[in-house]
Amino acid sequence: MELERQTTEVLQRLVRFNTVNPPGNEREAIEYLAGYLADAGFQTEILAATDDRPNLVATLTAESDGATLVYLGHVDTVLADASEWHHDPWSGDVADGFLWGRGSLDMKSQVAAEAVAAAALAREGWRPKRGALKLVFVADEETGGDVGAHWLCEHHPDKVR
């Protein structure tokens, strides 16, 4: 139940960041996730093609070399017209057993679940036996990734490989 509560809280926070793309404006969501994961023991790095559209690479490294497992998610969303919603699309309201808001299904829910699960492991002292665990949360998935995943792979392949 504790992980469910934490995941709900993280998802509510993420939904409350209006990251409709365009224009995106993912910085506050990425900075929130960076702080959350750094507090749990991850090494975090924010990398950006443009200041208001950064990406996050959060890493737990083992003491020995090995494979890297990467969980990838995005924090931008498609458009939401509040007049078409029963709940404010940026409220993160929990009602009728559901968390309401733009991104609660695609893809902020998965980002929240990955962040909370990995942070819980890190707080308990878990580290990979070899290699690394990386959480890569990006901007700009909804319109092609030119400043998100595509940009990271082109400009910082060593960070996301």
C-alpha atoms as a PDB file:
ATOM      1  CA  MET A   1       0.000   0.000   0.000  1.00  0.00           C
ATOM      2  CA  GLU A   2       2.860   2.395   0.712  1.00  0.00           C
ATOM      3  CA  LEU A   3       4.233   2.121  -2.843  1.00  0.00           C
ATOM      4  CA  GLU A   4       0.737   2.670  -4.230  1.00  0.00           C
ATOM      5  CA  ARG A   5       0.354   5.830  -2.116  1.00  0.00           C
ATOM      6  CA  GLN A   6       3.766   7.122  -3.175  1.00  0.00           C
ATOM      7  CA  THR A   7       3.090   6.382  -6.838  1.00  0.00           C
ATOM      8  CA  THR A   8      -0.243   8.190  -6.635  1.00  0.00           C
ATOM      9  CA  GLU A   9       1.443  11.222  -5.069  1.00  0.00           C
ATOM     10  CA  VAL A  10       4.218  11.312  -7.677  1.00  0.00           C
ATOM     11  CA  LEU A  11       1.682  10.900 -10.494  1.00  0.00           C
ATOM     12  CA  GLN A  12      -0.452  13.708  -9.069  1.00  0.00           C
ATOM     13  CA  ARG A  13       2.591  15.987  -9.018  1.00  0.00           C
ATOM     14  CA  LEU A  14       3.489  15.075 -12.596  1.00  0.00           C
ATOM     15  CA  VAL A  15      -0.056  15.628 -13.889  1.00  0.00           C
ATOM     16  CA  ARG A  16      -0.094  19.081 -12.280  1.00  0.00           C
ATOM     17  CA  PHE A  17       2.778  20.161 -14.522  1.00  0.00           C
ATOM     18  CA  ASN A  18       1.197  21.345 -17.761  1.00  0.00           C
ATOM     19  CA  THR A  19       3.551  19.802 -20.305  1.00  0.00           C
ATOM     20  CA  VAL A  20       1.296  19.939 -23.371  1.00  0.00           C
ATOM     21  CA  ASN A  21       3.511  19.678 -26.436  1.00  0.00           C
ATOM     22  CA  PRO A  22       3.743  22.038 -28.173  1.00  0.00           C
ATOM     23  CA  PRO A  23       5.228  23.926 -26.450  1.00  0.00           C
ATOM     24  CA  GLY A  24       6.239  21.270 -23.874  1.00  0.00           C
ATOM     25  CA  ASN A  25       7.742  23.255 -21.006  1.00  0.00           C
ATOM     26  CA  GLU A  26       8.898  20.045 -19.323  1.00  0.00           C
ATOM     27  CA  ARG A  27      11.599  21.654 -17.120  1.00  0.00           C
ATOM     28  CA  GLU A  28       9.612  21.723 -13.850  1.00  0.00           C
ATOM     29  CA  ALA A  29       8.523  18.086 -14.231  1.00  0.00           C
ATOM     30  CA  ILE A  30      12.074  16.959 -15.045  1.00  0.00           C
ATOM     31  CA  GLU A  31      13.534  18.941 -12.131  1.00  0.00           C
ATOM     32  CA  TYR A  32      10.940  17.425  -9.775  1.00  0.00           C
ATOM     33  CA  LEU A  33      11.894  13.906 -10.897  1.00  0.00           C
ATOM     34  CA  ALA A  34      15.612  14.711 -10.634  1.00  0.00           C
ATOM     35  CA  GLY A  35      15.177  15.830  -7.031  1.00  0.00           C
ATOM     36  CA  TYR A  36      13.001  12.851  -6.152  1.00  0.00           C
ATOM     37  CA  LEU A  37      15.543  10.380  -7.535  1.00  0.00           C
ATOM     38  CA  ALA A  38      18.613  12.203  -6.183  1.00  0.00           C
ATOM     39  CA  ASP A  39      17.062  12.066  -2.712  1.00  0.00           C
ATOM     40  CA  ALA A  40      16.863   8.282  -3.112  1.00  0.00           C
ATOM     41  CA  GLY A  41      20.550   7.965  -4.060  1.00  0.00           C
ATOM     42  CA  PHE A  42      20.550   8.207  -7.840  1.00  0.00           C
ATOM     43  CA  GLN A  43      23.162  10.207  -9.703  1.00  0.00           C
ATOM     44  CA  THR A  44      21.115  12.609 -11.807  1.00  0.00           C
ATOM     45  CA  GLU A  45      22.018  14.626 -14.848  1.00  0.00           C
ATOM     46  CA  ILE A  46      19.805  17.057 -16.721  1.00  0.00           C
ATOM     47  CA  LEU A  47      20.697  17.424 -20.386  1.00  0.00           C
ATOM     48  CA  ALA A  48      18.950  19.834 -22.722  1.00  0.00           C
ATOM     49  CA  ALA A  49      18.984  21.045 -26.290  1.00  0.00           C
ATOM     50  CA  THR A  50      16.910  24.029 -25.137  1.00  0.00           C
ATOM     51  CA  ASP A  51      16.619  25.336 -21.596  1.00  0.00           C
ATOM     52  CA  ASP A  52      12.864  24.814 -21.142  1.00  0.00           C
ATOM     53  CA  ARG A  53      12.860  21.264 -22.606  1.00  0.00           C
ATOM     54  CA  PRO A  54      15.400  19.182 -20.652  1.00  0.00           C
ATOM     55  CA  ASN A  55      15.822  15.443 -20.280  1.00  0.00           C
ATOM     56  CA  LEU A  56      16.834  13.470 -17.202  1.00  0.00           C
ATOM     57  CA  VAL A  57      19.286  10.607 -16.905  1.00  0.00           C
ATOM     58  CA  ALA A  58      19.226   9.077 -13.410  1.00  0.00           C
ATOM     59  CA  THR A  59      21.706   6.298 -12.674  1.00  0.00           C
ATOM     60  CA  LEU A  60      22.415   3.688 -10.030  1.00  0.00           C
ATOM     61  CA  THR A  61      25.838   2.200 -10.753  1.00  0.00           C
ATOM     62  CA  ALA A  62      27.282  -1.110  -9.594  1.00  0.00           C
ATOM     63  CA  GLU A  63      30.828  -1.531  -8.379  1.00  0.00           C
ATOM     64  CA  SER A  64      31.691  -3.695 -11.390  1.00  0.00           C
ATOM     65  CA  ASP A  65      31.152  -3.372 -15.120  1.00  0.00           C
ATOM     66  CA  GLY A  66      28.232  -5.017 -16.827  1.00  0.00           C
ATOM     67  CA  ALA A  67      25.104  -4.433 -18.818  1.00  0.00           C
ATOM     68  CA  THR A  68      22.913  -1.385 -18.351  1.00  0.00           C
ATOM     69  CA  LEU A  69      19.158  -1.625 -18.001  1.00  0.00           C
ATOM     70  CA  VAL A  70      17.349   1.527 -19.103  1.00  0.00           C
ATOM     71  CA  TYR A  71      13.752   2.436 -18.353  1.00  0.00           C
ATOM     72  CA  LEU A  72      12.556   5.152 -20.729  1.00  0.00           C
ATOM     73  CA  GLY A  73       9.567   7.448 -20.351  1.00  0.00           C
ATOM     74  CA  HIS A  74       8.380  10.863 -21.438  1.00  0.00           C
ATOM     75  CA  VAL A  75       6.732  13.699 -19.534  1.00  0.00           C
ATOM     76  CA  ASP A  76       5.174  15.717 -22.359  1.00  0.00           C
ATOM     77  CA  THR A  77       1.517  15.241 -23.267  1.00  0.00           C
ATOM     78  CA  VAL A  78      -0.907  15.894 -26.080  1.00  0.00           C
ATOM     79  CA  LEU A  79      -3.361  18.791 -25.973  1.00  0.00           C
ATOM     80  CA  ALA A  80      -6.189  18.901 -23.436  1.00  0.00           C
ATOM     81  CA  ASP A  81      -9.241  21.128 -23.815  1.00  0.00           C
ATOM     82  CA  ALA A  82     -10.495  21.671 -20.242  1.00  0.00           C
ATOM     83  CA  SER A  83     -14.050  22.270 -21.520  1.00  0.00           C
ATOM     84  CA  GLU A  84     -14.156  18.634 -22.675  1.00  0.00           C
ATOM     85  CA  TRP A  85     -13.138  17.219 -19.282  1.00  0.00           C
ATOM     86  CA  HIS A  86     -15.221  16.411 -16.194  1.00  0.00           C
ATOM     87  CA  HIS A  87     -12.135  17.156 -14.055  1.00  0.00           C
ATOM     88  CA  ASP A  88      -9.479  19.801 -14.611  1.00  0.00           C
ATOM     89  CA  PRO A  89      -6.877  18.123 -16.872  1.00  0.00           C
ATOM     90  CA  TRP A  90      -4.064  19.426 -14.641  1.00  0.00           C
ATOM     91  CA  SER A  91      -5.647  18.762 -11.250  1.00  0.00           C
ATOM     92  CA  GLY A  92      -4.466  15.258 -10.510  1.00  0.00           C
ATOM     93  CA  ASP A  93      -7.801  14.739  -8.729  1.00  0.00           C
ATOM     94  CA  VAL A  94      -8.581  11.286  -7.408  1.00  0.00           C
ATOM     95  CA  ALA A  95     -12.302  10.590  -7.856  1.00  0.00           C
ATOM     96  CA  ASP A  96     -14.386   7.482  -8.425  1.00  0.00           C
ATOM     97  CA  GLY A  97     -11.278   5.325  -7.953  1.00  0.00           C
ATOM     98  CA  PHE A  98      -9.340   7.034 -10.741  1.00  0.00           C
ATOM     99  CA  LEU A  99      -6.613   9.652 -10.922  1.00  0.00           C
ATOM    100  CA  TRP A 100      -7.739  12.248 -13.468  1.00  0.00           C
ATOM    101  CA  GLY A 101      -5.533  14.421 -15.611  1.00  0.00           C
ATOM    102  CA  ARG A 102      -3.691  14.785 -18.879  1.00  0.00           C
ATOM    103  CA  GLY A 103      -0.853  12.287 -18.958  1.00  0.00           C
ATOM    104  CA  SER A 104      -2.296  10.023 -16.274  1.00  0.00           C
ATOM    105  CA  LEU A 105      -2.410   7.198 -18.846  1.00  0.00           C
ATOM    106  CA  ASP A 106       0.178   8.311 -21.403  1.00  0.00           C
ATOM    107  CA  MET A 107       2.758   8.308 -19.981  1.00  0.00           C
ATOM    108  CA  LYS A 108       3.150  10.026 -16.662  1.00  0.00           C
ATOM    109  CA  SER A 109       1.717   6.967 -14.894  1.00  0.00           C
ATOM    110  CA  GLN A 110       4.541   4.759 -16.139  1.00  0.00           C
ATOM    111  CA  VAL A 111       7.115   7.434 -15.318  1.00  0.00           C
ATOM    112  CA  ALA A 112       5.723   7.660 -11.771  1.00  0.00           C
ATOM    113  CA  ALA A 113       5.698   3.868 -11.354  1.00  0.00           C
ATOM    114  CA  GLU A 114       9.288   3.520 -12.592  1.00  0.00           C
ATOM    115  CA  ALA A 115      10.533   6.388 -10.438  1.00  0.00           C
ATOM    116  CA  VAL A 116       8.829   5.185  -7.258  1.00  0.00           C
ATOM    117  CA  ALA A 117       9.835   1.533  -7.692  1.00  0.00           C
ATOM    118  CA  ALA A 118      13.462   2.380  -8.449  1.00  0.00           C
ATOM    119  CA  ALA A 119      13.644   4.956  -5.639  1.00  0.00           C
ATOM    120  CA  ALA A 120      12.219   2.437  -3.163  1.00  0.00           C
ATOM    121  CA  LEU A 121      14.909  -0.073  -4.114  1.00  0.00           C
ATOM    122  CA  ALA A 122      17.646   2.557  -3.897  1.00  0.00           C
ATOM    123  CA  ARG A 123      16.477   3.767  -0.482  1.00  0.00           C
ATOM    124  CA  GLU A 124      16.679   0.164   0.777  1.00  0.00           C
ATOM    125  CA  GLY A 125      20.322   0.062  -0.346  1.00  0.00           C
ATOM    126  CA  TRP A 126      19.793  -2.025  -3.479  1.00  0.00           C
ATOM    127  CA  ARG A 127      22.352  -1.590  -6.249  1.00  0.00           C
ATOM    128  CA  PRO A 128      22.849  -3.639  -9.411  1.00  0.00           C
ATOM    129  CA  LYS A 129      25.430  -6.413  -8.985  1.00  0.00           C
ATOM    130  CA  ARG A 130      27.063  -5.315 -12.246  1.00  0.00           C
ATOM    131  CA  GLY A 131      26.508  -2.495 -14.690  1.00  0.00           C
ATOM    132  CA  ALA A 132      23.847   0.103 -14.028  1.00  0.00           C
ATOM    133  CA  LEU A 133      20.164   0.868 -13.801  1.00  0.00           C
ATOM    134  CA  LYS A 134      19.170   4.047 -15.624  1.00  0.00           C
ATOM    135  CA  LEU A 135      15.921   5.936 -15.668  1.00  0.00           C
ATOM    136  CA  VAL A 136      15.742   8.198 -18.698  1.00  0.00           C
ATOM    137  CA  PHE A 137      12.836  10.623 -18.709  1.00  0.00           C
ATOM    138  CA  VAL A 138      12.584  12.787 -21.794  1.00  0.00           C
ATOM    139  CA  ALA A 139      10.850  15.779 -23.302  1.00  0.00           C
ATOM    140  CA  ASP A 140       9.254  15.967 -26.724  1.00  0.00           C
ATOM    141  CA  GLU A 141       8.033  12.426 -27.387  1.00  0.00           C
ATOM    142  CA  GLU A 142       4.660  13.614 -28.649  1.00  0.00           C
ATOM    143  CA  THR A 143       6.139  15.566 -31.570  1.00  0.00           C
ATOM    144  CA  GLY A 144       9.093  13.428 -32.597  1.00  0.00           C
ATOM    145  CA  GLY A 145      11.800  13.683 -29.940  1.00  0.00           C
ATOM    146  CA  ASP A 146      13.953  16.296 -31.662  1.00  0.00           C
ATOM    147  CA  VAL A 147      14.912  17.735 -28.250  1.00  0.00           C
ATOM    148  CA  GLY A 148      14.160  14.507 -26.343  1.00  0.00           C
ATOM    149  CA  ALA A 149      15.184  10.916 -27.047  1.00  0.00           C
ATOM    150  CA  HIS A 150      16.444  11.600 -30.573  1.00  0.00           C
ATOM    151  CA  TRP A 151      18.577  14.499 -29.333  1.00  0.00           C
ATOM    152  CA  LEU A 152      19.969  12.450 -26.420  1.00  0.00           C
ATOM    153  CA  CYS A 153      20.952   9.571 -28.698  1.00  0.00           C
ATOM    154  CA  GLU A 154      22.604  11.924 -31.160  1.00  0.00           C
ATOM    155  CA  HIS A 155      24.397  14.238 -28.715  1.00  0.00           C
ATOM    156  CA  HIS A 156      24.935  12.047 -25.622  1.00  0.00           C
ATOM    157  CA  PRO A 157      24.875   8.417 -26.772  1.00  0.00           C
ATOM    158  CA  ASP A 158      27.234   7.365 -23.970  1.00  0.00           C
ATOM    159  CA  LYS A 159      24.722   8.624 -21.372  1.00  0.00           C
ATOM    160  CA  VAL A 160      21.805   6.533 -22.670  1.00  0.00           C
ATOM    161  CA  ARG A 161      23.471   3.472 -24.171  1.00  0.00           C
END
